[in-house]
N, C-alpha and C. Protein backbone atom coordinates (compact mmCIF):
# COMPACT_ATOMS: atom_id res chain seq x y z
N MET A 1 27.71 -1.10 -23.66
CA MET A 1 28.12 -1.23 -22.24
C MET A 1 28.16 0.15 -21.59
N GLU A 2 28.66 1.13 -22.35
CA GLU A 2 28.78 2.47 -21.78
C GLU A 2 27.37 3.03 -21.45
N SER A 3 26.39 2.88 -22.38
CA SER A 3 25.05 3.41 -22.13
C SER A 3 24.44 2.65 -20.93
N THR A 4 24.73 1.38 -20.72
CA THR A 4 24.21 0.67 -19.59
C THR A 4 24.70 1.24 -18.26
N GLU A 5 26.05 1.57 -18.26
CA GLU A 5 26.61 2.14 -17.08
C GLU A 5 26.02 3.50 -16.80
N ILE A 6 25.77 4.27 -17.81
CA ILE A 6 25.17 5.59 -17.60
C ILE A 6 23.76 5.46 -17.04
N CYS A 7 22.99 4.50 -17.51
CA CYS A 7 21.68 4.27 -16.99
C CYS A 7 21.73 3.83 -15.52
N ARG A 8 22.66 2.92 -15.20
CA ARG A 8 22.84 2.49 -13.83
C ARG A 8 23.16 3.57 -12.87
N ARG A 9 23.81 4.61 -13.40
CA ARG A 9 24.11 5.69 -12.53
C ARG A 9 23.01 6.76 -12.48
N LEU A 10 22.37 7.03 -13.63
CA LEU A 10 21.35 8.11 -13.70
C LEU A 10 20.01 7.70 -13.07
N VAL A 11 19.65 6.44 -13.26
CA VAL A 11 18.32 6.00 -12.71
C VAL A 11 18.27 6.20 -11.21
N PRO A 12 19.22 5.70 -10.44
CA PRO A 12 19.16 5.96 -8.95
C PRO A 12 19.17 7.47 -8.62
N GLU A 13 19.92 8.27 -9.40
CA GLU A 13 19.90 9.71 -9.10
C GLU A 13 18.54 10.32 -9.38
N ALA A 14 17.86 9.87 -10.47
CA ALA A 14 16.56 10.40 -10.75
C ALA A 14 15.52 9.96 -9.67
N ILE A 15 15.64 8.73 -9.25
CA ILE A 15 14.71 8.29 -8.15
C ILE A 15 15.00 9.02 -6.88
N SER A 16 16.25 9.25 -6.55
CA SER A 16 16.65 10.05 -5.42
C SER A 16 16.02 11.47 -5.43
N TRP A 17 16.14 12.10 -6.59
CA TRP A 17 15.55 13.43 -6.75
C TRP A 17 14.07 13.42 -6.57
N ALA A 18 13.40 12.39 -7.14
CA ALA A 18 11.91 12.32 -7.05
C ALA A 18 11.50 12.02 -5.63
N LEU A 19 12.28 11.10 -4.94
CA LEU A 19 11.92 10.77 -3.58
C LEU A 19 12.05 12.00 -2.65
N THR A 20 13.08 12.81 -2.86
CA THR A 20 13.34 13.99 -2.07
C THR A 20 12.17 14.97 -2.30
N ARG A 21 11.81 15.23 -3.51
CA ARG A 21 10.72 16.19 -3.81
C ARG A 21 9.37 15.66 -3.27
N PHE A 22 9.14 14.37 -3.41
CA PHE A 22 7.84 13.80 -3.01
C PHE A 22 7.75 13.87 -1.47
N THR A 23 8.80 13.58 -0.72
CA THR A 23 8.80 13.66 0.69
C THR A 23 8.56 15.02 1.22
N ARG A 24 9.18 15.99 0.58
CA ARG A 24 8.99 17.42 0.97
C ARG A 24 7.63 17.86 0.64
N LEU A 25 7.03 17.35 -0.44
CA LEU A 25 5.68 17.77 -0.81
C LEU A 25 4.65 17.23 0.12
N VAL A 26 4.68 15.94 0.43
CA VAL A 26 3.60 15.37 1.28
C VAL A 26 3.71 15.69 2.70
N THR A 27 4.96 15.98 3.19
CA THR A 27 5.10 16.43 4.59
C THR A 27 4.97 17.93 4.82
N GLY A 28 5.30 18.70 3.80
CA GLY A 28 5.26 20.15 3.98
C GLY A 28 6.28 20.65 4.96
N ALA A 29 7.24 19.82 5.32
CA ALA A 29 8.19 20.18 6.38
C ALA A 29 9.31 21.03 5.91
N GLN A 30 9.61 22.07 6.68
CA GLN A 30 10.82 22.87 6.47
C GLN A 30 11.80 22.55 7.57
N ALA A 31 12.99 22.19 7.24
CA ALA A 31 13.99 21.81 8.26
C ALA A 31 14.33 23.01 9.08
N ARG A 32 14.30 22.85 10.43
CA ARG A 32 14.73 23.90 11.36
C ARG A 32 16.00 23.43 12.02
N TRP A 33 17.04 24.18 11.70
CA TRP A 33 18.35 23.87 12.34
C TRP A 33 18.51 24.73 13.58
N ILE A 34 18.03 24.22 14.73
CA ILE A 34 18.01 24.96 15.98
C ILE A 34 19.31 24.96 16.69
N GLY A 35 20.00 23.80 16.74
CA GLY A 35 21.23 23.78 17.50
C GLY A 35 22.51 23.61 16.70
N CYS A 36 22.38 23.53 15.35
CA CYS A 36 23.58 23.36 14.54
C CYS A 36 23.18 23.80 13.10
N ALA A 37 24.24 23.83 12.29
CA ALA A 37 24.02 24.21 10.91
C ALA A 37 24.25 22.97 9.99
N PRO A 38 23.67 22.93 8.82
CA PRO A 38 23.86 21.81 7.89
C PRO A 38 25.22 21.90 7.17
N VAL A 39 26.28 21.53 7.90
CA VAL A 39 27.63 21.68 7.37
C VAL A 39 28.21 20.26 7.18
N PRO A 40 29.22 20.19 6.32
CA PRO A 40 29.77 18.86 5.95
C PRO A 40 30.69 18.32 7.11
N VAL A 41 30.06 17.98 8.21
CA VAL A 41 30.74 17.37 9.38
C VAL A 41 30.24 15.95 9.53
N GLN A 42 31.09 14.97 9.80
CA GLN A 42 30.64 13.65 9.95
C GLN A 42 29.72 13.51 11.19
N ARG A 43 28.51 12.96 11.02
CA ARG A 43 27.52 12.96 12.09
C ARG A 43 26.65 11.71 12.07
N VAL A 44 26.05 11.43 13.20
CA VAL A 44 25.01 10.46 13.33
C VAL A 44 23.77 11.24 13.70
N TYR A 45 22.82 11.31 12.82
CA TYR A 45 21.54 11.96 13.06
C TYR A 45 20.61 10.93 13.75
N PHE A 46 20.22 11.20 14.97
CA PHE A 46 19.37 10.20 15.64
C PHE A 46 18.04 10.88 15.99
N GLY A 47 16.95 10.18 15.59
CA GLY A 47 15.64 10.79 15.75
C GLY A 47 14.62 9.94 16.48
N ASN A 48 13.50 10.52 16.87
CA ASN A 48 12.41 9.80 17.39
C ASN A 48 11.74 9.02 16.20
N HIS A 49 11.08 7.89 16.53
CA HIS A 49 10.73 6.98 15.50
C HIS A 49 9.16 6.67 15.62
N ASN A 50 8.39 7.15 14.72
CA ASN A 50 6.95 6.89 14.69
C ASN A 50 6.44 6.32 13.39
N SER A 51 7.25 6.28 12.33
CA SER A 51 6.75 5.89 11.04
C SER A 51 7.93 5.38 10.13
N HIS A 52 7.55 4.64 9.13
CA HIS A 52 8.53 4.20 8.09
C HIS A 52 9.01 5.40 7.29
N ALA A 53 8.28 6.53 7.37
CA ALA A 53 8.70 7.70 6.63
C ALA A 53 9.70 8.57 7.37
N ASP A 54 10.07 8.18 8.58
CA ASP A 54 11.01 9.02 9.43
C ASP A 54 12.31 9.21 8.77
N PHE A 55 13.00 8.17 8.36
CA PHE A 55 14.35 8.35 7.84
C PHE A 55 14.31 9.02 6.49
N ALA A 56 13.20 8.87 5.69
CA ALA A 56 13.08 9.55 4.42
C ALA A 56 12.99 11.09 4.66
N LEU A 57 12.29 11.49 5.74
CA LEU A 57 12.18 12.93 6.01
C LEU A 57 13.51 13.51 6.45
N ILE A 58 14.23 12.85 7.34
CA ILE A 58 15.53 13.29 7.73
C ILE A 58 16.49 13.41 6.55
N TRP A 59 16.48 12.36 5.76
CA TRP A 59 17.39 12.33 4.55
C TRP A 59 17.03 13.44 3.54
N ALA A 60 15.71 13.58 3.29
CA ALA A 60 15.28 14.61 2.37
C ALA A 60 15.45 16.01 2.84
N SER A 61 15.55 16.18 4.17
CA SER A 61 15.73 17.54 4.69
C SER A 61 17.19 17.96 4.67
N LEU A 62 18.07 17.14 4.35
CA LEU A 62 19.50 17.46 4.31
C LEU A 62 19.80 18.16 2.95
N PRO A 63 20.73 19.09 2.91
CA PRO A 63 21.17 19.61 1.60
C PRO A 63 21.78 18.47 0.75
N ALA A 64 21.82 18.71 -0.58
CA ALA A 64 22.17 17.61 -1.45
C ALA A 64 23.58 17.04 -1.16
N GLU A 65 24.49 17.97 -0.81
CA GLU A 65 25.86 17.49 -0.59
C GLU A 65 26.01 16.60 0.69
N LEU A 66 25.09 16.85 1.62
CA LEU A 66 25.02 15.97 2.81
C LEU A 66 24.23 14.70 2.55
N ARG A 67 23.22 14.73 1.75
CA ARG A 67 22.49 13.52 1.44
C ARG A 67 23.38 12.48 0.74
N ARG A 68 24.34 12.98 -0.06
CA ARG A 68 25.22 12.03 -0.79
C ARG A 68 26.10 11.21 0.13
N VAL A 69 26.32 11.68 1.38
CA VAL A 69 27.27 11.00 2.26
C VAL A 69 26.55 10.48 3.50
N THR A 70 25.24 10.66 3.56
CA THR A 70 24.50 10.19 4.78
C THR A 70 23.65 9.03 4.45
N ARG A 71 23.88 7.96 5.27
CA ARG A 71 23.29 6.67 4.95
C ARG A 71 22.30 6.27 6.07
N PRO A 72 21.04 6.02 5.76
CA PRO A 72 20.06 5.53 6.74
C PRO A 72 20.39 4.10 7.16
N VAL A 73 20.30 3.84 8.45
CA VAL A 73 20.41 2.49 8.96
C VAL A 73 19.04 1.85 8.94
N ALA A 74 18.94 0.67 8.30
CA ALA A 74 17.65 0.06 8.06
C ALA A 74 17.64 -1.40 8.45
N GLY A 75 16.50 -1.96 8.80
CA GLY A 75 16.36 -3.32 9.14
C GLY A 75 16.30 -4.20 7.97
N ALA A 76 17.11 -5.22 7.91
CA ALA A 76 17.11 -6.16 6.80
C ALA A 76 15.78 -6.85 6.58
N ASP A 77 15.09 -7.21 7.75
CA ASP A 77 13.83 -7.91 7.59
C ASP A 77 12.80 -7.12 6.79
N TYR A 78 12.81 -5.82 6.87
CA TYR A 78 11.89 -5.04 6.14
C TYR A 78 12.36 -4.69 4.72
N TRP A 79 13.61 -4.16 4.64
CA TRP A 79 14.05 -3.58 3.37
C TRP A 79 14.61 -4.64 2.41
N ASN A 80 14.85 -5.83 2.85
CA ASN A 80 15.26 -6.91 1.93
C ASN A 80 14.09 -7.80 1.56
N ALA A 81 12.91 -7.41 1.97
CA ALA A 81 11.73 -8.26 1.76
C ALA A 81 11.17 -8.28 0.30
N SER A 82 11.57 -7.31 -0.53
CA SER A 82 11.16 -7.28 -1.94
C SER A 82 12.20 -6.66 -2.78
N ALA A 83 12.13 -6.89 -4.11
CA ALA A 83 13.17 -6.42 -5.05
C ALA A 83 13.11 -4.86 -5.05
N ILE A 84 11.92 -4.27 -5.00
CA ILE A 84 11.79 -2.81 -5.08
C ILE A 84 12.44 -2.18 -3.82
N LYS A 85 12.13 -2.73 -2.64
CA LYS A 85 12.70 -2.21 -1.42
C LYS A 85 14.22 -2.36 -1.41
N ARG A 86 14.67 -3.53 -1.85
CA ARG A 86 16.16 -3.71 -1.91
C ARG A 86 16.81 -2.71 -2.81
N TYR A 87 16.20 -2.45 -3.98
CA TYR A 87 16.78 -1.46 -4.91
C TYR A 87 16.85 -0.08 -4.32
N ILE A 88 15.72 0.33 -3.69
CA ILE A 88 15.70 1.68 -3.10
C ILE A 88 16.77 1.80 -1.98
N ILE A 89 16.82 0.87 -1.04
CA ILE A 89 17.69 1.02 0.08
C ILE A 89 19.17 0.92 -0.33
N HIS A 90 19.48 0.04 -1.30
CA HIS A 90 20.86 -0.20 -1.63
C HIS A 90 21.35 0.75 -2.69
N GLU A 91 20.59 0.94 -3.77
CA GLU A 91 21.03 1.68 -4.92
C GLU A 91 20.69 3.17 -4.87
N VAL A 92 19.60 3.49 -4.25
CA VAL A 92 19.18 4.85 -4.22
C VAL A 92 19.66 5.56 -2.98
N LEU A 93 19.39 4.95 -1.78
CA LEU A 93 19.67 5.56 -0.52
C LEU A 93 21.05 5.16 0.05
N HIS A 94 21.65 4.10 -0.52
CA HIS A 94 22.98 3.58 -0.07
C HIS A 94 22.91 3.32 1.47
N GLY A 95 21.78 2.72 1.85
CA GLY A 95 21.63 2.46 3.25
C GLY A 95 22.53 1.40 3.86
N VAL A 96 22.62 1.44 5.19
CA VAL A 96 23.35 0.42 5.91
C VAL A 96 22.31 -0.57 6.46
N VAL A 97 22.23 -1.71 5.87
CA VAL A 97 21.24 -2.72 6.28
C VAL A 97 21.76 -3.66 7.33
N ILE A 98 21.00 -3.76 8.39
CA ILE A 98 21.48 -4.61 9.50
C ILE A 98 20.44 -5.62 9.92
N GLU A 99 20.85 -6.72 10.48
CA GLU A 99 19.97 -7.73 11.01
C GLU A 99 19.63 -7.31 12.48
N ARG A 100 18.36 -7.11 12.73
CA ARG A 100 17.99 -6.61 14.04
C ARG A 100 17.97 -7.75 15.05
N SER A 101 17.95 -8.97 14.63
CA SER A 101 18.05 -10.13 15.54
C SER A 101 19.36 -10.75 15.45
N ARG A 102 20.07 -10.93 16.59
CA ARG A 102 21.37 -11.51 16.62
C ARG A 102 21.35 -12.95 16.08
N GLU A 103 20.25 -13.63 16.17
CA GLU A 103 20.16 -14.95 15.67
C GLU A 103 20.30 -15.01 14.19
N ASP A 104 19.99 -13.88 13.51
CA ASP A 104 20.08 -13.85 12.05
C ASP A 104 21.42 -13.51 11.47
N SER A 105 22.38 -13.14 12.30
CA SER A 105 23.65 -12.68 11.76
C SER A 105 24.75 -12.94 12.82
N ALA A 106 25.93 -13.26 12.29
CA ALA A 106 27.07 -13.45 13.15
C ALA A 106 27.80 -12.10 13.41
N VAL A 107 27.36 -11.05 12.67
CA VAL A 107 28.01 -9.80 12.74
C VAL A 107 27.18 -8.81 13.64
N GLU A 108 27.82 -8.14 14.51
CA GLU A 108 27.15 -7.21 15.42
C GLU A 108 26.65 -6.02 14.61
N PRO A 109 25.37 -5.61 14.70
CA PRO A 109 24.90 -4.44 13.99
C PRO A 109 25.74 -3.17 14.29
N VAL A 110 26.16 -2.98 15.53
CA VAL A 110 26.96 -1.84 15.83
C VAL A 110 28.26 -1.85 15.02
N ASP A 111 28.89 -3.02 14.83
CA ASP A 111 30.10 -3.09 14.08
C ASP A 111 29.88 -2.69 12.62
N VAL A 112 28.74 -3.05 12.04
CA VAL A 112 28.40 -2.68 10.68
C VAL A 112 28.22 -1.17 10.56
N MET A 113 27.54 -0.58 11.48
CA MET A 113 27.43 0.86 11.54
C MET A 113 28.75 1.65 11.72
N ALA A 114 29.56 1.06 12.59
CA ALA A 114 30.87 1.66 12.84
C ALA A 114 31.72 1.66 11.58
N GLU A 115 31.67 0.55 10.87
CA GLU A 115 32.44 0.45 9.63
C GLU A 115 32.02 1.51 8.59
N ALA A 116 30.74 1.80 8.59
CA ALA A 116 30.22 2.80 7.63
C ALA A 116 30.75 4.19 8.05
N LEU A 117 30.84 4.45 9.33
CA LEU A 117 31.36 5.67 9.78
C LEU A 117 32.88 5.79 9.53
N LYS A 118 33.56 4.73 9.77
CA LYS A 118 34.99 4.69 9.57
C LYS A 118 35.36 4.88 8.09
N ALA A 119 34.41 4.54 7.21
CA ALA A 119 34.59 4.72 5.78
C ALA A 119 34.33 6.16 5.36
N GLY A 120 33.87 6.99 6.30
CA GLY A 120 33.70 8.44 6.00
C GLY A 120 32.30 8.91 5.87
N GLY A 121 31.31 8.01 5.97
CA GLY A 121 29.94 8.47 5.85
C GLY A 121 29.34 8.97 7.11
N SER A 122 28.11 9.53 7.01
CA SER A 122 27.28 9.83 8.17
C SER A 122 26.14 8.88 8.22
N LEU A 123 25.40 8.80 9.32
CA LEU A 123 24.31 7.85 9.45
C LEU A 123 23.02 8.51 9.99
N ILE A 124 21.91 7.91 9.69
CA ILE A 124 20.58 8.21 10.30
C ILE A 124 20.21 6.93 11.10
N VAL A 125 19.98 7.16 12.41
CA VAL A 125 19.56 6.03 13.20
C VAL A 125 18.39 6.39 14.13
N PHE A 126 17.75 5.39 14.66
CA PHE A 126 16.61 5.61 15.61
C PHE A 126 16.87 4.75 16.85
N PRO A 127 17.37 5.42 17.89
CA PRO A 127 17.76 4.69 19.10
C PRO A 127 16.62 3.98 19.88
N GLU A 128 15.35 4.28 19.52
CA GLU A 128 14.28 3.52 20.18
C GLU A 128 14.26 2.09 19.61
N GLY A 129 14.79 1.86 18.46
CA GLY A 129 14.90 0.55 17.93
C GLY A 129 13.74 0.05 17.10
N THR A 130 12.56 0.59 17.42
CA THR A 130 11.30 0.21 16.71
C THR A 130 10.38 1.42 16.78
N ARG A 131 9.35 1.43 15.94
CA ARG A 131 8.46 2.52 15.88
C ARG A 131 7.58 2.62 17.16
N ASN A 132 7.47 3.84 17.62
CA ASN A 132 6.67 4.15 18.82
C ASN A 132 5.25 4.33 18.54
N THR A 133 4.41 3.35 18.90
CA THR A 133 3.00 3.46 18.59
C THR A 133 2.19 3.65 19.95
N THR A 134 2.94 4.05 20.98
CA THR A 134 2.28 4.26 22.29
C THR A 134 1.99 5.69 22.51
N ASP A 135 1.45 6.08 23.62
CA ASP A 135 1.21 7.53 23.96
C ASP A 135 2.40 8.18 24.58
N GLU A 136 3.45 7.42 24.82
CA GLU A 136 4.69 8.00 25.39
C GLU A 136 5.46 8.79 24.28
N LEU A 137 6.17 9.84 24.76
CA LEU A 137 6.95 10.66 23.81
C LEU A 137 8.04 9.79 23.18
N LEU A 138 8.71 8.98 24.04
CA LEU A 138 9.81 8.10 23.57
C LEU A 138 9.73 6.76 24.26
N LEU A 139 10.06 5.71 23.48
CA LEU A 139 10.30 4.41 24.10
C LEU A 139 11.63 4.44 24.79
N PRO A 140 11.89 3.43 25.65
CA PRO A 140 13.26 3.27 26.22
C PRO A 140 14.32 3.17 25.08
N LEU A 141 15.44 3.88 25.20
CA LEU A 141 16.40 3.88 24.17
C LEU A 141 17.32 2.62 24.27
N LYS A 142 17.69 2.10 23.11
CA LYS A 142 18.59 0.93 23.09
C LYS A 142 20.05 1.34 23.34
N SER A 143 20.80 0.42 23.79
CA SER A 143 22.22 0.77 24.17
C SER A 143 23.15 0.84 22.97
N GLY A 144 22.72 0.36 21.77
CA GLY A 144 23.57 0.33 20.64
C GLY A 144 24.19 1.70 20.28
N ILE A 145 23.47 2.77 20.45
CA ILE A 145 24.07 4.05 20.13
C ILE A 145 25.19 4.43 21.02
N TYR A 146 25.23 3.93 22.22
CA TYR A 146 26.33 4.19 23.14
C TYR A 146 27.61 3.40 22.63
N PHE A 147 27.40 2.12 22.25
CA PHE A 147 28.54 1.32 21.76
C PHE A 147 29.03 1.87 20.43
N LEU A 148 28.16 2.44 19.64
CA LEU A 148 28.61 3.09 18.33
C LEU A 148 29.46 4.30 18.70
N ALA A 149 29.04 5.12 19.66
CA ALA A 149 29.81 6.27 20.10
C ALA A 149 31.19 5.86 20.63
N GLN A 150 31.21 4.77 21.34
CA GLN A 150 32.47 4.22 21.85
C GLN A 150 33.48 3.91 20.72
N GLN A 151 32.96 3.36 19.64
CA GLN A 151 33.83 2.99 18.54
C GLN A 151 34.24 4.24 17.70
N CYS A 152 33.41 5.24 17.69
CA CYS A 152 33.58 6.44 16.84
C CYS A 152 33.36 7.68 17.65
N PRO A 153 34.23 7.94 18.69
CA PRO A 153 33.95 9.04 19.59
C PRO A 153 34.12 10.43 18.96
N GLN A 154 34.79 10.45 17.78
CA GLN A 154 35.00 11.75 17.10
C GLN A 154 33.76 12.29 16.41
N VAL A 155 32.75 11.43 16.22
CA VAL A 155 31.56 11.75 15.44
C VAL A 155 30.57 12.53 16.26
N GLU A 156 30.00 13.56 15.68
CA GLU A 156 28.96 14.29 16.33
C GLU A 156 27.60 13.53 16.22
N PHE A 157 26.84 13.53 17.36
CA PHE A 157 25.51 12.89 17.40
C PHE A 157 24.48 14.08 17.47
N VAL A 158 23.64 14.16 16.47
CA VAL A 158 22.70 15.28 16.36
C VAL A 158 21.28 14.77 16.56
N PRO A 159 20.61 15.32 17.62
CA PRO A 159 19.22 14.93 17.83
C PRO A 159 18.24 15.52 16.75
N VAL A 160 17.31 14.74 16.34
CA VAL A 160 16.36 15.18 15.36
C VAL A 160 14.97 14.83 15.86
N TRP A 161 14.12 15.87 15.98
CA TRP A 161 12.75 15.63 16.43
C TRP A 161 11.76 15.88 15.32
N MET A 162 10.84 14.87 15.11
CA MET A 162 9.83 15.00 14.06
C MET A 162 8.39 14.84 14.64
N ASP A 163 7.51 15.68 14.17
CA ASP A 163 6.11 15.63 14.61
C ASP A 163 5.20 15.29 13.43
N ASN A 164 4.18 14.50 13.71
CA ASN A 164 3.09 14.11 12.78
C ASN A 164 3.46 13.05 11.79
N LEU A 165 4.68 12.52 11.83
CA LEU A 165 5.01 11.44 10.85
C LEU A 165 4.26 10.23 11.06
N GLY A 166 3.89 9.89 12.31
CA GLY A 166 3.08 8.70 12.57
C GLY A 166 1.70 8.81 11.98
N ARG A 167 1.15 10.03 11.89
CA ARG A 167 -0.15 10.22 11.31
C ARG A 167 -0.08 10.28 9.80
N LEU A 168 1.10 10.72 9.26
CA LEU A 168 1.30 10.76 7.78
C LEU A 168 1.33 9.36 7.19
N LEU A 169 2.05 8.40 7.86
CA LEU A 169 2.14 7.05 7.35
C LEU A 169 1.99 6.10 8.51
N PRO A 170 0.78 5.82 8.94
CA PRO A 170 0.55 4.97 10.12
C PRO A 170 1.06 3.57 9.84
N LYS A 171 1.30 2.79 10.92
CA LYS A 171 1.76 1.43 10.79
C LYS A 171 0.75 0.66 9.98
N GLY A 172 1.28 -0.13 9.03
CA GLY A 172 0.45 -0.97 8.16
C GLY A 172 0.02 -0.29 6.92
N GLU A 173 0.24 1.00 6.75
CA GLU A 173 -0.16 1.74 5.57
C GLU A 173 1.07 1.87 4.63
N ILE A 174 0.79 1.90 3.30
CA ILE A 174 1.91 2.11 2.32
C ILE A 174 1.76 3.43 1.57
N VAL A 175 0.59 4.04 1.64
CA VAL A 175 0.34 5.27 0.87
C VAL A 175 0.23 6.44 1.88
N PRO A 176 1.12 7.38 1.83
CA PRO A 176 1.09 8.52 2.81
C PRO A 176 -0.07 9.41 2.57
N VAL A 177 -0.63 10.02 3.66
CA VAL A 177 -1.63 11.04 3.51
C VAL A 177 -0.99 12.39 3.71
N PRO A 178 -1.12 13.32 2.75
CA PRO A 178 -0.45 14.62 2.95
C PRO A 178 -0.88 15.28 4.20
N LEU A 179 0.14 15.74 4.97
CA LEU A 179 -0.15 16.25 6.32
C LEU A 179 1.08 17.12 6.67
N LEU A 180 0.82 18.29 7.27
CA LEU A 180 1.91 19.19 7.63
C LEU A 180 2.74 18.59 8.84
N CYS A 181 3.95 18.35 8.54
CA CYS A 181 4.85 17.73 9.55
C CYS A 181 5.97 18.79 9.90
N SER A 182 6.73 18.43 10.94
CA SER A 182 7.87 19.31 11.28
C SER A 182 9.07 18.50 11.58
N ILE A 183 10.21 19.09 11.35
CA ILE A 183 11.48 18.42 11.65
C ILE A 183 12.50 19.43 12.15
N SER A 184 13.12 19.16 13.29
CA SER A 184 14.06 20.12 13.92
C SER A 184 15.33 19.34 14.25
N PHE A 185 16.52 20.00 13.98
CA PHE A 185 17.82 19.45 14.27
C PHE A 185 18.34 20.23 15.50
N GLY A 186 18.75 19.45 16.53
CA GLY A 186 19.14 20.06 17.78
C GLY A 186 20.71 20.21 17.90
N THR A 187 21.10 20.37 19.08
CA THR A 187 22.54 20.61 19.42
C THR A 187 23.37 19.33 19.39
N PRO A 188 24.44 19.22 18.69
CA PRO A 188 25.23 17.99 18.67
C PRO A 188 25.82 17.70 20.00
N LEU A 189 26.02 16.44 20.27
CA LEU A 189 26.78 15.95 21.48
C LEU A 189 27.73 14.85 21.07
N GLN A 190 28.70 14.61 21.89
CA GLN A 190 29.74 13.59 21.67
C GLN A 190 29.92 12.79 22.99
N LEU A 191 30.37 11.60 22.86
CA LEU A 191 30.72 10.78 24.03
C LEU A 191 31.89 11.45 24.81
N GLN A 192 31.72 11.58 26.04
CA GLN A 192 32.77 12.18 26.91
C GLN A 192 33.73 11.11 27.41
N PRO A 193 35.00 11.48 27.63
CA PRO A 193 35.99 10.53 28.19
C PRO A 193 35.44 9.84 29.43
N ALA A 194 35.46 8.51 29.46
CA ALA A 194 35.07 7.73 30.65
C ALA A 194 33.58 7.78 30.95
N GLU A 195 32.78 8.33 30.01
CA GLU A 195 31.35 8.41 30.24
C GLU A 195 30.70 7.04 30.18
N ASP A 196 29.87 6.64 31.08
CA ASP A 196 29.29 5.31 31.04
C ASP A 196 27.98 5.33 30.21
N LYS A 197 27.48 4.07 30.03
CA LYS A 197 26.31 3.85 29.16
C LYS A 197 25.09 4.65 29.63
N ASP A 198 24.79 4.54 30.89
CA ASP A 198 23.56 5.15 31.38
C ASP A 198 23.56 6.65 31.25
N SER A 199 24.78 7.26 31.50
CA SER A 199 24.89 8.71 31.37
C SER A 199 24.76 9.14 29.95
N PHE A 200 25.33 8.43 28.99
CA PHE A 200 25.25 8.82 27.55
C PHE A 200 23.83 8.64 27.08
N ILE A 201 23.19 7.52 27.37
CA ILE A 201 21.81 7.23 26.96
C ILE A 201 20.88 8.35 27.52
N GLY A 202 21.14 8.70 28.75
CA GLY A 202 20.36 9.77 29.41
C GLY A 202 20.51 11.08 28.68
N ARG A 203 21.70 11.36 28.26
CA ARG A 203 21.92 12.64 27.50
C ARG A 203 21.33 12.61 26.14
N ILE A 204 21.37 11.45 25.47
CA ILE A 204 20.69 11.30 24.14
C ILE A 204 19.19 11.56 24.28
N ARG A 205 18.60 10.94 25.32
CA ARG A 205 17.16 11.09 25.51
C ARG A 205 16.82 12.58 25.83
N ALA A 206 17.61 13.16 26.70
CA ALA A 206 17.36 14.60 27.08
C ALA A 206 17.50 15.49 25.86
N ALA A 207 18.48 15.15 24.96
CA ALA A 207 18.73 16.02 23.79
C ALA A 207 17.55 15.93 22.82
N LEU A 208 16.96 14.76 22.69
CA LEU A 208 15.76 14.63 21.81
C LEU A 208 14.62 15.44 22.39
N LEU A 209 14.35 15.36 23.69
CA LEU A 209 13.24 16.07 24.27
C LEU A 209 13.53 17.57 24.30
N ALA A 210 14.75 18.00 24.47
CA ALA A 210 15.12 19.42 24.40
C ALA A 210 14.89 19.97 23.00
N THR A 211 15.16 19.14 21.99
CA THR A 211 14.99 19.62 20.64
C THR A 211 13.49 19.77 20.33
N LYS A 212 12.65 18.83 20.85
CA LYS A 212 11.21 18.96 20.70
C LYS A 212 10.76 20.29 21.34
N GLU A 213 11.16 20.59 22.56
CA GLU A 213 10.73 21.74 23.28
C GLU A 213 11.22 23.04 22.58
N SER A 214 12.47 23.03 22.05
CA SER A 214 12.98 24.20 21.37
C SER A 214 12.19 24.50 20.05
N ALA A 215 11.63 23.45 19.47
CA ALA A 215 10.90 23.61 18.24
C ALA A 215 9.48 24.07 18.41
N GLN A 216 8.97 24.17 19.67
CA GLN A 216 7.60 24.57 19.88
C GLN A 216 7.40 26.05 19.50
N PRO A 217 6.29 26.40 18.93
CA PRO A 217 5.97 27.74 18.61
C PRO A 217 6.07 28.66 19.85
N GLY A 218 6.72 29.77 19.66
CA GLY A 218 6.82 30.70 20.73
C GLY A 218 8.02 30.49 21.64
N GLU A 219 8.69 29.36 21.44
CA GLU A 219 9.81 29.05 22.34
C GLU A 219 11.08 29.79 21.82
C-alpha cells in the first residue's frame, strides 16, 4: 500500500516536470515580467486565448513554487472527454473544471472558481471564453471575470499576453509544431470599490492590450 501511495504521488510530479520542460522546449518562450514579479501573491492570471496550449504556457512559465498553487480553469466538455485528459487536468495540473453551458450544471462556473480562490489557490483564466480564430486581437470579453472579482476583490488580476501560440497548436491539431513564442506578464489590477461591470471589463481589455504593446521589441 505504501509503494502504491508513493507512485500515486510521484507519477503526477514526473508528468508535471516533463510537461513543463516540453512546453518550454517547443515554444522557446522566456517569461517577461513587465509589470510585476513572480512572487507568492494570490492572483488570477488572465490571458488572450488562441490555442489549447495557452494555459500550458502560462503554467509552465511560472516558477515551481507558484505552479504548485496555480490552477488552470478548464472546460469540462474538452478535458473530461477521455481518461488521459481527465488524469492530466485533475491529477497533474489540479485544474478547476467547469461546465461552460449552464444547461449542463446547476452550479455557476464563477462560484466554482471563487471557491478555488477562497481555498487559497491562484487561477489561470481566459476572459474571451473561447479560442480566438479571427483576425481581431481580442474577442469580446465575457462578464464572468467581473463577477469573480466581485467575490474575491482582494485577489490581483494579472494580464498575460502570448504571441504565436495559435500557430504552434492550431485548432484541430494535437501535435505542436516547434515555434518561437512569447509570453509577457503585465501590471496587476484589482476591482475598485463600486466599480461597475463595463468599467472593469474595459480595464481588463486595456490591460491585455497594454501588455502586448509593452512586450514589443524596442518598446
